[in-house]
Amino acid sequence: MYQLEEETEADTWEVEALYDLCFAPGRTALSSYRLRDGVAKVKELCLILREDGVLAAAIRYWPVRVGGKPVLLLGPVAVHPTRQGEGLGGLLIHESLAEARRLGWERVMLVGDAPYYSRFGFRKLADVVMPPPTNPDRVLGFDLVQGAWSGVAGEVRAWTA
């Protein structure tokens, strides 16, 4: 039986180890990581799944701005290789998007594989520009509120208070 929990400071080293295992070396050099530098995660949306105390999957969110509007940047989401194919990534995505909506966020974006994320309702954001080097076909968005991405365009900027 899996336990869905909010990530805590005590979980950080395990979550980082999972991301290291699931993603290529140098993952922190990606442009999405530059947008996260010095910015606090949206802790209520950073979730982990454990089975018998063992970390199986994790998801994180960070605030950014596009066209001056607040946006959630989803990622990374990772599932331990021994647990892939069980629907755990999808569970984390669905649960966290529902919570983001409940918390009053309007829009979410990510940089990822369109065929995978389209099953959750994400679509290409043609007018949103991630810092280079990012493939524009991988910049995807999701409306938590109907029409939330309508008219929102421009460069993705780091969150500033």
N, C-alpha and C. Protein backbone atom coordinates (compact mmCIF):
# COMPACT_ATOMS: atom_id res chain seq x y z
N MET A 1 0.85 -1.19 0.00
CA MET A 1 0.00 0.00 0.00
C MET A 1 0.89 1.24 0.00
N TYR A 2 0.58 2.15 -0.90
CA TYR A 2 1.36 3.39 -1.01
C TYR A 2 0.82 4.44 -0.07
N GLN A 3 1.73 5.26 0.46
CA GLN A 3 1.37 6.40 1.29
C GLN A 3 1.76 7.67 0.53
N LEU A 4 0.77 8.54 0.29
CA LEU A 4 0.99 9.82 -0.36
C LEU A 4 1.20 10.85 0.72
N GLU A 5 2.34 11.56 0.65
CA GLU A 5 2.70 12.53 1.69
C GLU A 5 3.29 13.77 1.06
N GLU A 6 3.22 14.87 1.80
CA GLU A 6 3.93 16.08 1.40
C GLU A 6 5.41 15.87 1.69
N GLU A 7 6.26 16.25 0.76
CA GLU A 7 7.70 16.14 0.97
C GLU A 7 8.13 17.05 2.13
N THR A 8 9.01 16.55 2.98
CA THR A 8 9.55 17.34 4.08
C THR A 8 11.05 17.52 3.88
N GLU A 9 11.65 18.37 4.70
CA GLU A 9 13.10 18.57 4.63
C GLU A 9 13.84 17.25 4.84
N ALA A 10 13.31 16.39 5.69
CA ALA A 10 13.96 15.10 5.95
C ALA A 10 13.97 14.20 4.72
N ASP A 11 13.07 14.45 3.77
CA ASP A 11 13.00 13.63 2.55
C ASP A 11 13.94 14.11 1.44
N THR A 12 14.49 15.30 1.59
CA THR A 12 15.21 15.94 0.49
C THR A 12 16.31 15.07 -0.09
N TRP A 13 17.15 14.49 0.73
CA TRP A 13 18.27 13.70 0.19
C TRP A 13 17.77 12.49 -0.60
N GLU A 14 16.69 11.86 -0.13
CA GLU A 14 16.13 10.70 -0.85
C GLU A 14 15.52 11.12 -2.19
N VAL A 15 14.81 12.24 -2.18
CA VAL A 15 14.19 12.73 -3.40
C VAL A 15 15.27 13.11 -4.42
N GLU A 16 16.30 13.80 -3.96
CA GLU A 16 17.39 14.17 -4.87
C GLU A 16 18.08 12.93 -5.44
N ALA A 17 18.25 11.90 -4.61
CA ALA A 17 18.86 10.65 -5.09
C ALA A 17 17.97 9.98 -6.14
N LEU A 18 16.64 10.04 -5.95
CA LEU A 18 15.72 9.49 -6.94
C LEU A 18 15.84 10.25 -8.25
N TYR A 19 15.90 11.58 -8.18
CA TYR A 19 16.05 12.37 -9.41
C TYR A 19 17.38 12.06 -10.10
N ASP A 20 18.43 11.90 -9.32
CA ASP A 20 19.73 11.54 -9.92
C ASP A 20 19.65 10.20 -10.63
N LEU A 21 18.94 9.24 -10.03
CA LEU A 21 18.80 7.92 -10.62
C LEU A 21 17.99 7.95 -11.92
N CYS A 22 16.93 8.77 -11.93
CA CYS A 22 15.99 8.77 -13.05
C CYS A 22 16.37 9.69 -14.21
N PHE A 23 17.21 10.68 -13.95
CA PHE A 23 17.53 11.64 -15.00
C PHE A 23 19.02 11.64 -15.30
N ALA A 24 19.34 12.13 -16.47
CA ALA A 24 20.73 12.15 -16.93
C ALA A 24 21.61 13.01 -16.04
N PRO A 25 22.90 12.68 -15.99
CA PRO A 25 23.83 13.54 -15.26
C PRO A 25 23.76 14.95 -15.85
N GLY A 26 23.92 15.92 -15.01
CA GLY A 26 23.87 17.30 -15.46
C GLY A 26 22.46 17.85 -15.52
N ARG A 27 21.48 17.14 -14.92
CA ARG A 27 20.10 17.61 -14.97
C ARG A 27 19.95 19.01 -14.39
N THR A 28 20.78 19.36 -13.42
CA THR A 28 20.64 20.67 -12.79
C THR A 28 21.19 21.80 -13.66
N ALA A 29 21.78 21.46 -14.80
CA ALA A 29 22.25 22.50 -15.74
C ALA A 29 21.14 22.93 -16.70
N LEU A 30 20.00 22.26 -16.67
CA LEU A 30 18.90 22.61 -17.57
C LEU A 30 18.33 23.98 -17.23
N SER A 31 17.75 24.63 -18.24
CA SER A 31 17.22 25.98 -18.05
C SER A 31 16.14 26.04 -16.98
N SER A 32 15.34 24.99 -16.84
CA SER A 32 14.29 25.00 -15.82
C SER A 32 14.89 25.11 -14.42
N TYR A 33 16.08 24.57 -14.23
CA TYR A 33 16.73 24.68 -12.91
C TYR A 33 17.18 26.11 -12.64
N ARG A 34 17.53 26.87 -13.67
CA ARG A 34 17.93 28.27 -13.47
C ARG A 34 16.75 29.07 -12.94
N LEU A 35 15.55 28.72 -13.36
CA LEU A 35 14.35 29.41 -12.88
C LEU A 35 14.04 29.09 -11.42
N ARG A 36 14.61 28.01 -10.91
CA ARG A 36 14.36 27.58 -9.54
C ARG A 36 15.41 28.09 -8.55
N ASP A 37 16.54 28.55 -9.07
CA ASP A 37 17.63 29.01 -8.20
C ASP A 37 17.15 30.07 -7.21
N GLY A 38 17.32 29.80 -5.94
CA GLY A 38 16.99 30.76 -4.90
C GLY A 38 15.50 30.96 -4.68
N VAL A 39 14.68 30.10 -5.27
CA VAL A 39 13.23 30.21 -5.15
C VAL A 39 12.72 29.02 -4.35
N ALA A 40 11.85 29.27 -3.40
CA ALA A 40 11.29 28.19 -2.59
C ALA A 40 10.29 27.38 -3.40
N LYS A 41 10.31 26.07 -3.21
CA LYS A 41 9.31 25.19 -3.82
C LYS A 41 7.93 25.55 -3.27
N VAL A 42 6.90 25.17 -4.00
CA VAL A 42 5.53 25.28 -3.51
C VAL A 42 5.31 24.01 -2.69
N LYS A 43 5.64 24.09 -1.41
CA LYS A 43 5.76 22.88 -0.58
C LYS A 43 4.49 22.05 -0.50
N GLU A 44 3.33 22.71 -0.56
CA GLU A 44 2.07 21.96 -0.48
C GLU A 44 1.86 21.05 -1.68
N LEU A 45 2.59 21.31 -2.76
CA LEU A 45 2.42 20.53 -3.98
C LEU A 45 3.57 19.57 -4.24
N CYS A 46 4.58 19.61 -3.40
CA CYS A 46 5.72 18.70 -3.54
C CYS A 46 5.39 17.42 -2.77
N LEU A 47 5.06 16.40 -3.53
CA LEU A 47 4.53 15.17 -2.95
C LEU A 47 5.46 13.99 -3.19
N ILE A 48 5.37 13.03 -2.28
CA ILE A 48 6.11 11.79 -2.44
C ILE A 48 5.17 10.61 -2.22
N LEU A 49 5.51 9.50 -2.83
CA LEU A 49 4.81 8.23 -2.60
C LEU A 49 5.80 7.25 -2.00
N ARG A 50 5.42 6.63 -0.91
CA ARG A 50 6.24 5.60 -0.27
C ARG A 50 5.45 4.32 -0.18
N GLU A 51 6.18 3.20 -0.25
CA GLU A 51 5.59 1.90 0.03
C GLU A 51 6.47 1.24 1.08
N ASP A 52 5.86 0.91 2.21
CA ASP A 52 6.61 0.32 3.33
C ASP A 52 7.83 1.17 3.69
N GLY A 53 7.65 2.49 3.63
CA GLY A 53 8.72 3.42 4.00
C GLY A 53 9.74 3.70 2.92
N VAL A 54 9.66 3.01 1.79
CA VAL A 54 10.63 3.18 0.71
C VAL A 54 10.08 4.15 -0.34
N LEU A 55 10.88 5.15 -0.70
CA LEU A 55 10.47 6.15 -1.68
C LEU A 55 10.29 5.50 -3.05
N ALA A 56 9.10 5.69 -3.64
CA ALA A 56 8.80 5.13 -4.96
C ALA A 56 8.67 6.20 -6.03
N ALA A 57 8.21 7.41 -5.65
CA ALA A 57 7.99 8.46 -6.64
C ALA A 57 7.94 9.82 -5.95
N ALA A 58 8.20 10.86 -6.75
CA ALA A 58 8.19 12.23 -6.20
C ALA A 58 7.83 13.21 -7.30
N ILE A 59 7.23 14.32 -6.89
CA ILE A 59 6.89 15.42 -7.80
C ILE A 59 7.13 16.74 -7.06
N ARG A 60 7.60 17.73 -7.81
CA ARG A 60 7.83 19.06 -7.23
C ARG A 60 7.24 20.12 -8.13
N TYR A 61 6.94 21.28 -7.52
CA TYR A 61 6.44 22.45 -8.24
C TYR A 61 7.17 23.69 -7.73
N TRP A 62 7.32 24.64 -8.65
CA TRP A 62 8.00 25.91 -8.35
C TRP A 62 7.19 27.04 -8.96
N PRO A 63 7.16 28.20 -8.33
CA PRO A 63 6.47 29.33 -8.94
C PRO A 63 7.37 30.04 -9.95
N VAL A 64 6.77 30.46 -11.07
CA VAL A 64 7.45 31.29 -12.07
C VAL A 64 6.43 32.32 -12.54
N ARG A 65 6.86 33.18 -13.46
CA ARG A 65 5.94 34.15 -14.07
C ARG A 65 6.07 34.10 -15.59
N VAL A 66 4.94 34.25 -16.24
CA VAL A 66 4.90 34.38 -17.70
C VAL A 66 4.00 35.56 -17.99
N GLY A 67 4.53 36.55 -18.70
CA GLY A 67 3.73 37.74 -18.98
C GLY A 67 3.23 38.41 -17.72
N GLY A 68 4.02 38.32 -16.65
CA GLY A 68 3.64 38.92 -15.37
C GLY A 68 2.65 38.11 -14.56
N LYS A 69 2.15 37.01 -15.11
CA LYS A 69 1.16 36.18 -14.42
C LYS A 69 1.83 35.06 -13.65
N PRO A 70 1.30 34.71 -12.47
CA PRO A 70 1.86 33.57 -11.73
C PRO A 70 1.53 32.25 -12.41
N VAL A 71 2.54 31.39 -12.46
CA VAL A 71 2.42 30.09 -13.10
C VAL A 71 3.15 29.06 -12.25
N LEU A 72 2.61 27.87 -12.17
CA LEU A 72 3.31 26.76 -11.53
C LEU A 72 4.18 26.06 -12.57
N LEU A 73 5.43 25.83 -12.23
CA LEU A 73 6.34 25.05 -13.06
C LEU A 73 6.42 23.66 -12.45
N LEU A 74 5.82 22.69 -13.14
CA LEU A 74 5.82 21.31 -12.66
C LEU A 74 7.15 20.66 -13.01
N GLY A 75 7.72 20.01 -12.05
CA GLY A 75 8.91 19.22 -12.33
C GLY A 75 10.00 19.41 -11.30
N PRO A 76 10.76 18.40 -11.19
CA PRO A 76 10.61 17.14 -11.90
C PRO A 76 9.62 16.20 -11.23
N VAL A 77 9.16 15.25 -12.03
CA VAL A 77 8.38 14.13 -11.51
C VAL A 77 9.19 12.88 -11.86
N ALA A 78 9.34 12.01 -10.89
CA ALA A 78 10.15 10.80 -11.13
C ALA A 78 9.54 9.61 -10.39
N VAL A 79 9.68 8.46 -11.03
CA VAL A 79 9.25 7.20 -10.45
C VAL A 79 10.46 6.27 -10.47
N HIS A 80 10.71 5.63 -9.35
CA HIS A 80 11.84 4.69 -9.27
C HIS A 80 11.73 3.67 -10.40
N PRO A 81 12.84 3.35 -11.06
CA PRO A 81 12.79 2.41 -12.19
C PRO A 81 12.10 1.08 -11.88
N THR A 82 12.16 0.61 -10.66
CA THR A 82 11.51 -0.66 -10.32
C THR A 82 10.01 -0.51 -10.15
N ARG A 83 9.51 0.71 -10.16
CA ARG A 83 8.08 0.99 -9.97
C ARG A 83 7.42 1.59 -11.22
N GLN A 84 8.19 1.82 -12.26
CA GLN A 84 7.63 2.43 -13.46
C GLN A 84 6.62 1.50 -14.11
N GLY A 85 5.61 2.10 -14.71
CA GLY A 85 4.54 1.33 -15.34
C GLY A 85 3.39 1.00 -14.42
N GLU A 86 3.46 1.45 -13.18
CA GLU A 86 2.39 1.17 -12.21
C GLU A 86 1.40 2.32 -12.08
N GLY A 87 1.62 3.40 -12.84
CA GLY A 87 0.71 4.55 -12.78
C GLY A 87 1.02 5.53 -11.66
N LEU A 88 2.19 5.40 -11.03
CA LEU A 88 2.51 6.28 -9.90
C LEU A 88 2.74 7.73 -10.33
N GLY A 89 3.40 7.92 -11.47
CA GLY A 89 3.60 9.28 -11.97
C GLY A 89 2.27 9.95 -12.25
N GLY A 90 1.37 9.22 -12.89
CA GLY A 90 0.04 9.76 -13.16
C GLY A 90 -0.73 10.09 -11.90
N LEU A 91 -0.61 9.24 -10.91
CA LEU A 91 -1.26 9.50 -9.62
C LEU A 91 -0.75 10.81 -9.02
N LEU A 92 0.57 10.99 -9.01
CA LEU A 92 1.14 12.22 -8.46
C LEU A 92 0.69 13.44 -9.25
N ILE A 93 0.66 13.32 -10.56
CA ILE A 93 0.23 14.45 -11.39
C ILE A 93 -1.23 14.80 -11.10
N HIS A 94 -2.11 13.82 -11.12
CA HIS A 94 -3.53 14.08 -10.85
C HIS A 94 -3.75 14.67 -9.46
N GLU A 95 -3.15 14.08 -8.45
CA GLU A 95 -3.34 14.55 -7.08
C GLU A 95 -2.81 15.98 -6.90
N SER A 96 -1.63 16.24 -7.45
CA SER A 96 -1.03 17.56 -7.27
C SER A 96 -1.77 18.63 -8.07
N LEU A 97 -2.27 18.30 -9.25
CA LEU A 97 -3.05 19.29 -10.01
C LEU A 97 -4.35 19.62 -9.29
N ALA A 98 -4.99 18.62 -8.72
CA ALA A 98 -6.22 18.87 -7.96
C ALA A 98 -5.94 19.77 -6.76
N GLU A 99 -4.83 19.52 -6.09
CA GLU A 99 -4.46 20.35 -4.93
C GLU A 99 -4.10 21.77 -5.38
N ALA A 100 -3.39 21.90 -6.50
CA ALA A 100 -3.05 23.23 -7.02
C ALA A 100 -4.31 24.04 -7.32
N ARG A 101 -5.29 23.40 -7.91
CA ARG A 101 -6.57 24.06 -8.19
C ARG A 101 -7.22 24.48 -6.88
N ARG A 102 -7.21 23.60 -5.90
CA ARG A 102 -7.82 23.91 -4.60
C ARG A 102 -7.12 25.09 -3.93
N LEU A 103 -5.81 25.20 -4.13
CA LEU A 103 -5.04 26.29 -3.53
C LEU A 103 -5.18 27.62 -4.28
N GLY A 104 -5.87 27.60 -5.43
CA GLY A 104 -6.13 28.83 -6.15
C GLY A 104 -5.20 29.14 -7.31
N TRP A 105 -4.31 28.22 -7.66
CA TRP A 105 -3.47 28.42 -8.83
C TRP A 105 -4.34 28.29 -10.08
N GLU A 106 -3.97 29.00 -11.15
CA GLU A 106 -4.78 28.99 -12.36
C GLU A 106 -4.16 28.23 -13.53
N ARG A 107 -2.82 28.20 -13.57
CA ARG A 107 -2.15 27.59 -14.73
C ARG A 107 -0.87 26.89 -14.31
N VAL A 108 -0.53 25.85 -15.08
CA VAL A 108 0.66 25.04 -14.83
C VAL A 108 1.40 24.89 -16.15
N MET A 109 2.73 24.85 -16.07
CA MET A 109 3.53 24.56 -17.25
C MET A 109 4.62 23.58 -16.89
N LEU A 110 5.21 22.99 -17.93
CA LEU A 110 6.34 22.10 -17.74
C LEU A 110 7.12 22.01 -19.04
N VAL A 111 8.29 21.43 -18.95
CA VAL A 111 9.07 21.10 -20.13
C VAL A 111 9.13 19.58 -20.15
N GLY A 112 8.49 18.97 -21.16
CA GLY A 112 8.43 17.52 -21.16
C GLY A 112 7.94 16.94 -22.47
N ASP A 113 7.71 15.66 -22.43
CA ASP A 113 7.32 14.86 -23.58
C ASP A 113 5.82 15.02 -23.85
N ALA A 114 5.48 15.68 -24.95
CA ALA A 114 4.07 15.96 -25.25
C ALA A 114 3.20 14.70 -25.31
N PRO A 115 3.64 13.60 -25.95
CA PRO A 115 2.77 12.42 -25.97
C PRO A 115 2.44 11.89 -24.56
N TYR A 116 3.37 11.97 -23.65
CA TYR A 116 3.10 11.51 -22.28
C TYR A 116 2.16 12.47 -21.56
N TYR A 117 2.50 13.76 -21.55
CA TYR A 117 1.75 14.73 -20.75
C TYR A 117 0.41 15.11 -21.35
N SER A 118 0.19 14.88 -22.65
CA SER A 118 -1.10 15.21 -23.26
C SER A 118 -2.22 14.37 -22.65
N ARG A 119 -1.91 13.18 -22.16
CA ARG A 119 -2.95 12.34 -21.55
C ARG A 119 -3.52 12.97 -20.27
N PHE A 120 -2.80 13.95 -19.71
CA PHE A 120 -3.27 14.65 -18.52
C PHE A 120 -3.90 15.99 -18.88
N GLY A 121 -3.92 16.33 -20.17
CA GLY A 121 -4.52 17.58 -20.61
C GLY A 121 -3.53 18.68 -20.94
N PHE A 122 -2.23 18.40 -20.88
CA PHE A 122 -1.23 19.41 -21.23
C PHE A 122 -1.17 19.56 -22.74
N ARG A 123 -0.93 20.80 -23.19
CA ARG A 123 -0.81 21.09 -24.62
C ARG A 123 0.34 22.06 -24.84
N LYS A 124 0.82 22.10 -26.06
CA LYS A 124 1.94 22.97 -26.41
C LYS A 124 1.56 24.43 -26.20
N LEU A 125 2.49 25.17 -25.58
CA LEU A 125 2.32 26.61 -25.38
C LEU A 125 3.16 27.33 -26.43
N ALA A 126 2.54 27.65 -27.55
CA ALA A 126 3.26 28.24 -28.67
C ALA A 126 3.82 29.63 -28.37
N ASP A 127 3.18 30.37 -27.46
CA ASP A 127 3.58 31.75 -27.20
C ASP A 127 4.34 31.93 -25.90
N VAL A 128 4.79 30.83 -25.31
CA VAL A 128 5.57 30.89 -24.06
C VAL A 128 6.99 30.43 -24.37
N VAL A 129 7.96 31.23 -23.93
CA VAL A 129 9.35 30.99 -24.29
C VAL A 129 10.17 30.69 -23.03
N MET A 130 10.70 29.47 -22.98
CA MET A 130 11.62 29.09 -21.91
C MET A 130 13.01 29.59 -22.26
N PRO A 131 13.84 29.83 -21.23
CA PRO A 131 15.23 30.20 -21.53
C PRO A 131 15.91 29.10 -22.33
N PRO A 132 16.83 29.49 -23.21
CA PRO A 132 17.54 28.48 -24.00
C PRO A 132 18.51 27.69 -23.13
N PRO A 133 18.88 26.51 -23.53
CA PRO A 133 18.42 25.81 -24.73
C PRO A 133 17.24 24.91 -24.40
N THR A 134 16.05 25.30 -24.78
CA THR A 134 14.86 24.49 -24.54
C THR A 134 14.15 24.30 -25.88
N ASN A 135 13.81 23.07 -26.18
CA ASN A 135 13.05 22.77 -27.39
C ASN A 135 11.64 23.33 -27.19
N PRO A 136 11.19 24.28 -28.02
CA PRO A 136 9.87 24.88 -27.84
C PRO A 136 8.72 23.87 -27.94
N ASP A 137 8.93 22.75 -28.62
CA ASP A 137 7.88 21.73 -28.71
C ASP A 137 7.64 21.03 -27.38
N ARG A 138 8.55 21.18 -26.44
CA ARG A 138 8.44 20.52 -25.14
C ARG A 138 7.87 21.45 -24.06
N VAL A 139 7.54 22.69 -24.42
CA VAL A 139 6.96 23.65 -23.47
C VAL A 139 5.45 23.46 -23.51
N LEU A 140 4.93 22.91 -22.41
CA LEU A 140 3.53 22.50 -22.34
C LEU A 140 2.81 23.18 -21.20
N GLY A 141 1.51 23.39 -21.37
CA GLY A 141 0.72 24.04 -20.32
C GLY A 141 -0.59 23.35 -20.06
N PHE A 142 -1.16 23.66 -18.91
CA PHE A 142 -2.43 23.08 -18.47
C PHE A 142 -3.22 24.17 -17.76
N ASP A 143 -4.50 24.28 -18.11
CA ASP A 143 -5.40 25.23 -17.45
C ASP A 143 -6.02 24.58 -16.21
N LEU A 144 -5.73 25.13 -15.05
CA LEU A 144 -6.42 24.69 -13.85
C LEU A 144 -7.79 25.36 -13.77
N VAL A 145 -7.89 26.53 -14.39
CA VAL A 145 -9.13 27.27 -14.53
C VAL A 145 -9.34 27.44 -16.03
N GLN A 146 -10.53 27.16 -16.51
CA GLN A 146 -10.78 27.22 -17.95
C GLN A 146 -10.32 28.55 -18.54
N GLY A 147 -9.51 28.47 -19.60
CA GLY A 147 -9.04 29.65 -20.31
C GLY A 147 -7.90 30.39 -19.63
N ALA A 148 -7.30 29.79 -18.61
CA ALA A 148 -6.27 30.49 -17.84
C ALA A 148 -5.04 30.86 -18.66
N TRP A 149 -4.71 30.08 -19.69
CA TRP A 149 -3.56 30.39 -20.53
C TRP A 149 -3.91 31.36 -21.65
N SER A 150 -5.17 31.65 -21.86
CA SER A 150 -5.60 32.54 -22.94
C SER A 150 -4.97 33.92 -22.74
N GLY A 151 -4.22 34.37 -23.75
CA GLY A 151 -3.59 35.69 -23.70
C GLY A 151 -2.32 35.77 -22.87
N VAL A 152 -1.92 34.66 -22.24
CA VAL A 152 -0.68 34.67 -21.44
C VAL A 152 0.46 34.22 -22.36
N ALA A 153 1.43 35.12 -22.55
CA ALA A 153 2.52 34.84 -23.48
C ALA A 153 3.79 35.55 -23.01
N GLY A 154 4.90 35.13 -23.59
CA GLY A 154 6.17 35.78 -23.31
C GLY A 154 7.17 34.84 -22.71
N GLU A 155 8.24 35.43 -22.20
CA GLU A 155 9.32 34.65 -21.61
C GLU A 155 8.95 34.21 -20.21
N VAL A 156 9.39 33.00 -19.88
CA VAL A 156 9.23 32.49 -18.53
C VAL A 156 10.29 33.16 -17.67
N ARG A 157 9.87 33.74 -16.58
CA ARG A 157 10.78 34.46 -15.68
C ARG A 157 10.78 33.82 -14.29
N ALA A 158 11.90 33.96 -13.64
CA ALA A 158 11.98 33.47 -12.25
C ALA A 158 11.01 34.23 -11.37
N TRP A 159 10.55 33.57 -10.36
CA TRP A 159 9.62 34.17 -9.40
C TRP A 159 10.36 35.19 -8.56
N THR A 160 9.77 36.34 -8.42
CA THR A 160 10.32 37.35 -7.50
C THR A 160 9.18 37.80 -6.61
N ALA A 161 9.50 37.95 -5.37
CA ALA A 161 8.46 38.30 -4.39
C ALA A 161 7.92 39.70 -4.62
